Protein backbone atom coordinates (compact mmCIF):
# COMPACT_ATOMS: atom_id res chain seq x y z
CA MET A 1 132.46 74.69 57.29
CA THR A 2 134.56 76.63 54.89
CA ALA A 3 134.04 77.22 51.26
CA SER A 4 136.47 74.44 50.38
CA GLY A 5 134.25 72.05 52.32
CA ARG A 6 137.08 70.67 54.49
CA GLY A 7 135.82 72.26 57.72
CA GLN A 8 139.08 73.91 58.59
CA ASN A 9 139.80 77.62 58.79
CA LYS A 10 143.31 78.23 57.62
CA ARG A 11 145.37 81.36 58.22
CA PRO A 12 147.48 82.71 55.48
CA SER A 13 151.04 81.62 55.68
CA PRO A 14 153.43 84.16 57.29
CA GLY A 15 155.14 84.70 53.83
CA LEU A 16 151.86 86.09 52.43
CA LEU A 17 151.39 88.85 54.99
CA CYS A 18 151.85 92.57 54.39
CA VAL A 19 155.26 93.41 55.97
CA VAL A 20 153.97 96.90 56.89
CA CYS A 21 150.72 96.23 58.81
CA GLY A 22 150.41 92.37 58.87
CA ASP A 23 147.17 92.17 56.85
CA THR A 24 146.85 89.66 54.04
CA SER A 25 149.19 90.62 51.15
CA SER A 26 147.62 91.10 47.80
CA GLY A 27 151.08 90.71 46.08
CA LYS A 28 154.43 92.30 45.65
CA HIS A 29 154.24 96.16 45.51
CA TYR A 30 157.20 98.45 45.46
CA GLY A 31 159.46 95.59 46.14
CA ILE A 32 157.69 94.14 49.19
CA LEU A 33 154.62 92.08 49.99
CA ALA A 34 152.00 94.55 50.87
CA CYS A 35 148.11 94.67 51.30
CA ASN A 36 145.91 96.83 49.03
CA GLY A 37 145.73 99.61 51.78
CA CYS A 38 149.53 99.97 52.24
CA SER A 39 150.02 99.64 48.50
CA GLY A 40 147.57 102.57 47.88
CA PHE A 41 149.24 104.63 50.64
CA PHE A 42 152.71 104.13 48.95
CA LYS A 43 151.26 104.93 45.57
CA ARG A 44 149.70 108.25 46.71
CA SER A 45 152.84 109.24 48.52
CA VAL A 46 155.06 108.60 45.47
CA ARG A 47 152.69 110.29 43.09
CA ARG A 48 152.29 113.44 45.27
CA LYS A 49 155.99 113.49 46.19
CA LEU A 50 155.04 113.58 49.88
CA ILE A 51 157.72 113.54 52.64
CA TYR A 52 156.66 112.26 56.16
CA ARG A 53 158.56 113.23 59.18
């Protein structure tokens, strides 16, 4: 049984998934729905002015 007590396990709706990796999104970061991991990666990249090839 789930915490809600309804006995159903629900997946997050597709609109709430990280568009980079598919994990559950924690909100809109840098203009896209992103999870905490991808958001942190983007943040470090921007702050350090990194360029990936």
